[in-house]
C-alpha atoms as a PDB file:
ATOM      1  CA  UNK A   1       0.000   0.000   0.000  1.00  0.00           C
ATOM      2  CA  UNK A   2       1.339   3.423  -0.963  1.00  0.00           C
ATOM      3  CA  UNK A   3       1.299   6.064   1.755  1.00  0.00           C
ATOM      4  CA  UNK A   4       0.671   9.774   1.153  1.00  0.00           C
ATOM      5  CA  UNK A   5       1.206  12.267   3.972  1.00  0.00           C
ATOM      6  CA  UNK A   6      -0.383  15.723   3.773  1.00  0.00           C
ATOM      7  CA  UNK A   7       0.949  18.750   5.650  1.00  0.00           C
ATOM      8  CA  UNK A   8      -0.470  22.246   6.017  1.00  0.00           C
ATOM      9  CA  UNK A   9      -3.137  24.492   7.503  1.00  0.00           C
ATOM     10  CA  UNK A  10      -6.926  24.077   7.484  1.00  0.00           C
ATOM     11  CA  UNK A  11      -6.857  24.051   3.678  1.00  0.00           C
ATOM     12  CA  UNK A  12      -4.628  20.973   3.878  1.00  0.00           C
ATOM     13  CA  UNK A  13      -7.307  19.216   5.931  1.00  0.00           C
ATOM     14  CA  UNK A  14      -9.762  19.802   3.070  1.00  0.00           C
ATOM     15  CA  UNK A  15      -7.101  18.545   0.630  1.00  0.00           C
ATOM     16  CA  UNK A  16      -6.626  15.387   2.721  1.00  0.00           C
ATOM     17  CA  UNK A  17     -10.378  14.672   2.615  1.00  0.00           C
ATOM     18  CA  UNK A  18     -10.479  15.335  -1.147  1.00  0.00           C
ATOM     19  CA  UNK A  19      -7.545  12.945  -1.688  1.00  0.00           C
ATOM     20  CA  UNK A  20      -9.103  10.280   0.564  1.00  0.00           C
ATOM     21  CA  UNK A  21     -12.258  10.378  -1.563  1.00  0.00           C
ATOM     22  CA  UNK A  22     -10.231  10.528  -4.771  1.00  0.00           C
ATOM     23  CA  UNK A  23      -8.100   7.463  -3.953  1.00  0.00           C
ATOM     24  CA  UNK A  24     -10.799   5.434  -2.168  1.00  0.00           C
ATOM     25  CA  UNK A  25     -10.529   1.759  -3.105  1.00  0.00           C
ATOM     26  CA  UNK A  26      -7.147   2.132  -4.848  1.00  0.00           C
ATOM     27  CA  UNK A  27      -4.955   0.786  -2.035  1.00  0.00           C
ATOM     28  CA  UNK A  28      -3.533   4.214  -1.254  1.00  0.00           C
ATOM     29  CA  UNK A  29      -3.464   5.602   2.271  1.00  0.00           C
ATOM     30  CA  UNK A  30      -3.840   9.380   2.753  1.00  0.00           C
ATOM     31  CA  UNK A  31      -2.977  10.691   6.219  1.00  0.00           C
ATOM     32  CA  UNK A  32      -1.804  13.797   8.015  1.00  0.00           C
ATOM     33  CA  UNK A  33       1.970  13.842   8.296  1.00  0.00           C
ATOM     34  CA  UNK A  34       3.337  11.535  11.006  1.00  0.00           C
ATOM     35  CA  UNK A  35       6.888  12.592  11.828  1.00  0.00           C
ATOM     36  CA  UNK A  36       7.816   9.140  13.139  1.00  0.00           C
ATOM     37  CA  UNK A  37       6.850   7.223   9.967  1.00  0.00           C
ATOM     38  CA  UNK A  38       8.114   7.278   6.377  1.00  0.00           C
ATOM     39  CA  UNK A  39       5.831   7.914   3.412  1.00  0.00           C
ATOM     40  CA  UNK A  40       5.971   7.422  -0.345  1.00  0.00           C
ATOM     41  CA  UNK A  41       4.833  10.957  -1.164  1.00  0.00           C
ATOM     42  CA  UNK A  42       4.734  14.032   1.060  1.00  0.00           C
ATOM     43  CA  UNK A  43       2.276  16.737  -0.031  1.00  0.00           C
ATOM     44  CA  UNK A  44       2.949  20.198   1.402  1.00  0.00           C
ATOM     45  CA  UNK A  45       0.015  22.565   0.986  1.00  0.00           C
ATOM     46  CA  UNK A  46       1.471  25.458   2.977  1.00  0.00           C
ATOM     47  CA  UNK A  47       3.561  26.237   6.075  1.00  0.00           C
ATOM     48  CA  UNK A  48       2.489  28.214   9.133  1.00  0.00           C
ATOM     49  CA  UNK A  49       5.680  29.672  10.535  1.00  0.00           C
ATOM     50  CA  UNK A  50       9.410  29.111  11.000  1.00  0.00           C
ATOM     51  CA  UNK A  51       8.783  26.466  13.690  1.00  0.00           C
ATOM     52  CA  UNK A  52       6.882  24.332  11.165  1.00  0.00           C
ATOM     53  CA  UNK A  53       9.522  24.970   8.499  1.00  0.00           C
ATOM     54  CA  UNK A  54      12.190  23.575  10.849  1.00  0.00           C
ATOM     55  CA  UNK A  55       9.991  20.638  11.872  1.00  0.00           C
ATOM     56  CA  UNK A  56       9.394  19.709   8.235  1.00  0.00           C
ATOM     57  CA  UNK A  57      13.076  20.164   7.315  1.00  0.00           C
ATOM     58  CA  UNK A  58      14.068  17.726  10.053  1.00  0.00           C
ATOM     59  CA  UNK A  59      11.406  15.241   8.924  1.00  0.00           C
ATOM     60  CA  UNK A  60      12.376  15.518   5.252  1.00  0.00           C
ATOM     61  CA  UNK A  61      16.008  14.946   6.212  1.00  0.00           C
ATOM     62  CA  UNK A  62      15.068  11.549   7.732  1.00  0.00           C
ATOM     63  CA  UNK A  63      13.130  10.328   4.683  1.00  0.00           C
ATOM     64  CA  UNK A  64      14.605   7.940   2.147  1.00  0.00           C
ATOM     65  CA  UNK A  65      14.724   9.410  -1.380  1.00  0.00           C
ATOM     66  CA  UNK A  66      11.038   9.960  -2.105  1.00  0.00           C
ATOM     67  CA  UNK A  67       8.773  12.450  -3.809  1.00  0.00           C
ATOM     68  CA  UNK A  68       7.572  15.735  -2.386  1.00  0.00           C
ATOM     69  CA  UNK A  69       4.768  17.704  -3.995  1.00  0.00           C
ATOM     70  CA  UNK A  70       4.663  21.296  -2.801  1.00  0.00           C
ATOM     71  CA  UNK A  71       2.309  24.175  -3.475  1.00  0.00           C
ATOM     72  CA  UNK A  72       4.390  26.311  -5.829  1.00  0.00           C
ATOM     73  CA  UNK A  73       2.228  29.365  -5.219  1.00  0.00           C
ATOM     74  CA  UNK A  74       3.087  29.636  -1.503  1.00  0.00           C
ATOM     75  CA  UNK A  75       6.266  31.646  -1.024  1.00  0.00           C
ATOM     76  CA  UNK A  76       7.164  30.215   2.394  1.00  0.00           C
ATOM     77  CA  UNK A  77       7.195  26.648   1.067  1.00  0.00           C
ATOM     78  CA  UNK A  78      10.438  27.518  -0.740  1.00  0.00           C
ATOM     79  CA  UNK A  79      12.120  27.966   2.666  1.00  0.00           C
ATOM     80  CA  UNK A  80      12.023  24.180   3.041  1.00  0.00           C
ATOM     81  CA  UNK A  81      14.243  23.512   0.082  1.00  0.00           C
ATOM     82  CA  UNK A  82      17.366  25.557   0.715  1.00  0.00           C
ATOM     83  CA  UNK A  83      19.236  22.420   1.804  1.00  0.00           C
ATOM     84  CA  UNK A  84      20.483  19.594  -0.401  1.00  0.00           C
ATOM     85  CA  UNK A  85      17.903  16.826  -0.068  1.00  0.00           C
ATOM     86  CA  UNK A  86      17.839  13.695  -2.211  1.00  0.00           C
ATOM     87  CA  UNK A  87      14.225  13.622  -3.335  1.00  0.00           C
ATOM     88  CA  UNK A  88      12.140  14.517  -6.336  1.00  0.00           C
ATOM     89  CA  UNK A  89      10.444  17.891  -5.850  1.00  0.00           C
ATOM     90  CA  UNK A  90       7.333  18.581  -7.898  1.00  0.00           C
ATOM     91  CA  UNK A  91       5.640  21.943  -7.537  1.00  0.00           C
ATOM     92  CA  UNK A  92       1.938  22.285  -8.307  1.00  0.00           C
ATOM     93  CA  UNK A  93       0.047  25.540  -8.649  1.00  0.00           C
ATOM     94  CA  UNK A  94      -1.032  28.279 -11.011  1.00  0.00           C
ATOM     95  CA  UNK A  95       2.429  29.869 -11.127  1.00  0.00           C
ATOM     96  CA  UNK A  96       3.866  29.317 -14.639  1.00  0.00           C
ATOM     97  CA  UNK A  97       7.142  28.118 -13.053  1.00  0.00           C
ATOM     98  CA  UNK A  98       5.412  25.161 -11.355  1.00  0.00           C
ATOM     99  CA  UNK A  99       6.106  21.613 -12.533  1.00  0.00           C
ATOM    100  CA  UNK A 100       2.351  20.947 -12.801  1.00  0.00           C
ATOM    101  CA  UNK A 101      -0.152  23.686 -13.497  1.00  0.00           C
ATOM    102  CA  UNK A 102      -3.633  24.254 -14.897  1.00  0.00           C
ATOM    103  CA  UNK A 103      -4.917  26.265 -17.823  1.00  0.00           C
ATOM    104  CA  UNK A 104      -8.305  26.899 -19.425  1.00  0.00           C
ATOM    105  CA  UNK A 105     -10.172  26.497 -16.129  1.00  0.00           C
ATOM    106  CA  UNK A 106     -13.954  26.539 -16.509  1.00  0.00           C
ATOM    107  CA  UNK A 107     -16.509  26.060 -13.756  1.00  0.00           C
ATOM    108  CA  UNK A 108     -19.807  24.345 -14.484  1.00  0.00           C
ATOM    109  CA  UNK A 109     -22.723  23.006 -12.518  1.00  0.00           C
ATOM    110  CA  UNK A 110     -21.586  19.781 -10.862  1.00  0.00           C
ATOM    111  CA  UNK A 111     -17.862  20.285 -11.383  1.00  0.00           C
ATOM    112  CA  UNK A 112     -15.182  21.956 -13.424  1.00  0.00           C
ATOM    113  CA  UNK A 113     -12.757  21.377 -16.284  1.00  0.00           C
ATOM    114  CA  UNK A 114      -9.169  22.358 -16.877  1.00  0.00           C
ATOM    115  CA  UNK A 115      -6.111  21.363 -18.844  1.00  0.00           C
ATOM    116  CA  UNK A 116      -3.526  19.682 -16.629  1.00  0.00           C
ATOM    117  CA  UNK A 117      -0.089  20.800 -17.801  1.00  0.00           C
ATOM    118  CA  UNK A 118       3.229  19.156 -16.946  1.00  0.00           C
ATOM    119  CA  UNK A 119       5.868  21.830 -17.593  1.00  0.00           C
ATOM    120  CA  UNK A 120       8.992  19.784 -16.726  1.00  0.00           C
ATOM    121  CA  UNK A 121       9.669  16.061 -16.974  1.00  0.00           C
ATOM    122  CA  UNK A 122       9.882  13.879 -13.865  1.00  0.00           C
ATOM    123  CA  UNK A 123       9.944  10.159 -13.054  1.00  0.00           C
ATOM    124  CA  UNK A 124       6.926   8.630 -11.360  1.00  0.00           C
ATOM    125  CA  UNK A 125       7.077   5.924  -8.680  1.00  0.00           C
ATOM    126  CA  UNK A 126       6.992   3.216 -11.371  1.00  0.00           C
ATOM    127  CA  UNK A 127      10.156   4.661 -12.929  1.00  0.00           C
ATOM    128  CA  UNK A 128       8.295   5.970 -15.986  1.00  0.00           C
ATOM    129  CA  UNK A 129       9.379   9.301 -17.409  1.00  0.00           C
ATOM    130  CA  UNK A 130       6.481  11.744 -17.376  1.00  0.00           C
ATOM    131  CA  UNK A 131       7.299  14.226 -20.102  1.00  0.00           C
ATOM    132  CA  UNK A 132       5.764  17.660 -20.603  1.00  0.00           C
ATOM    133  CA  UNK A 133       2.157  17.208 -21.675  1.00  0.00           C
ATOM    134  CA  UNK A 134      -1.239  18.824 -21.551  1.00  0.00           C
ATOM    135  CA  UNK A 135      -4.369  16.773 -20.975  1.00  0.00           C
ATOM    136  CA  UNK A 136      -7.997  17.745 -20.409  1.00  0.00           C
ATOM    137  CA  UNK A 137      -9.392  16.903 -16.973  1.00  0.00           C
ATOM    138  CA  UNK A 138     -12.984  17.013 -15.788  1.00  0.00           C
ATOM    139  CA  UNK A 139     -13.719  16.952 -12.065  1.00  0.00           C
ATOM    140  CA  UNK A 140     -17.258  16.023 -11.048  1.00  0.00           C
ATOM    141  CA  UNK A 141     -17.952  17.103  -7.487  1.00  0.00           C
ATOM    142  CA  UNK A 142     -20.710  18.523  -5.358  1.00  0.00           C
ATOM    143  CA  UNK A 143     -18.069  19.999  -3.042  1.00  0.00           C
ATOM    144  CA  UNK A 144     -16.666  23.503  -3.242  1.00  0.00           C
ATOM    145  CA  UNK A 145     -14.391  23.832  -6.266  1.00  0.00           C
ATOM    146  CA  UNK A 146     -10.668  23.989  -5.486  1.00  0.00           C
ATOM    147  CA  UNK A 147      -8.218  23.858  -8.373  1.00  0.00           C
ATOM    148  CA  UNK A 148      -5.283  23.211  -6.009  1.00  0.00           C
ATOM    149  CA  UNK A 149      -6.866  20.024  -4.643  1.00  0.00           C
ATOM    150  CA  UNK A 150      -7.402  18.838  -8.213  1.00  0.00           C
ATOM    151  CA  UNK A 151      -3.835  19.683  -9.267  1.00  0.00           C
ATOM    152  CA  UNK A 152      -2.453  17.713  -6.322  1.00  0.00           C
ATOM    153  CA  UNK A 153      -4.808  14.785  -7.041  1.00  0.00           C
ATOM    154  CA  UNK A 154      -3.941  14.520 -10.750  1.00  0.00           C
ATOM    155  CA  UNK A 155      -0.224  14.901  -9.983  1.00  0.00           C
ATOM    156  CA  UNK A 156      -0.478  12.087  -7.429  1.00  0.00           C
ATOM    157  CA  UNK A 157      -2.395   9.963  -9.941  1.00  0.00           C
ATOM    158  CA  UNK A 158       0.442  10.482 -12.424  1.00  0.00           C
ATOM    159  CA  UNK A 159       3.044   9.604  -9.788  1.00  0.00           C
ATOM    160  CA  UNK A 160       1.290   6.494  -8.503  1.00  0.00           C
ATOM    161  CA  UNK A 161      -0.483   4.989 -11.505  1.00  0.00           C
ATOM    162  CA  UNK A 162       1.622   6.095 -14.428  1.00  0.00           C
ATOM    163  CA  UNK A 163       0.987   7.738 -17.727  1.00  0.00           C
ATOM    164  CA  UNK A 164      -1.292   4.965 -19.049  1.00  0.00           C
ATOM    165  CA  UNK A 165      -4.072   6.565 -16.974  1.00  0.00           C
ATOM    166  CA  UNK A 166      -3.981   9.460 -19.419  1.00  0.00           C
ATOM    167  CA  UNK A 167      -4.644   7.547 -22.625  1.00  0.00           C
ATOM    168  CA  UNK A 168      -8.325   8.268 -22.158  1.00  0.00           C
ATOM    169  CA  UNK A 169      -9.216  11.834 -22.987  1.00  0.00           C
ATOM    170  CA  UNK A 170     -10.458  13.735 -21.123  1.00  0.00           C
ATOM    171  CA  UNK A 171      -9.626  12.281 -17.732  1.00  0.00           C
ATOM    172  CA  UNK A 172     -12.915  12.311 -15.814  1.00  0.00           C
ATOM    173  CA  UNK A 173     -12.710  12.120 -12.061  1.00  0.00           C
ATOM    174  CA  UNK A 174     -15.687  11.884  -9.740  1.00  0.00           C
ATOM    175  CA  UNK A 175     -15.216  12.666  -6.084  1.00  0.00           C
END
């Protein structure tokens, strides 16, 4: 079973619930970060203050080489990565410098659509090279719309299940 840890403020709690629903029945555990256990992927939504930056730095330093997905639109998240860690860092957000971003976002009754864009290549957990691409995604949800939750979810899907998930077009996800 793959383990995803989520870290951040109240918005991260909503992200955790979204990811739990998203990955339900796929053999993937989504939990709040547990500093005494390793994980396959650490998702960092935001950081509160310098105390949390130091706590996360210490935790990251104990992890084996893994993957970290960080919100590329939160300035303070960059404070975590001033040291030389041996992990894959993927940034997700609306900033054009992010590894994964969204374009052509449209909100509709019962969900929303966007183009998921990989700006820079990375290897997923299966060792597959995920090259720059753009794919249409449709999220069907009765919950409040949150593009960040969807960006993290599709990025995790790419990391965990590989690029074959994206042969269908558009990717339709119901949560």
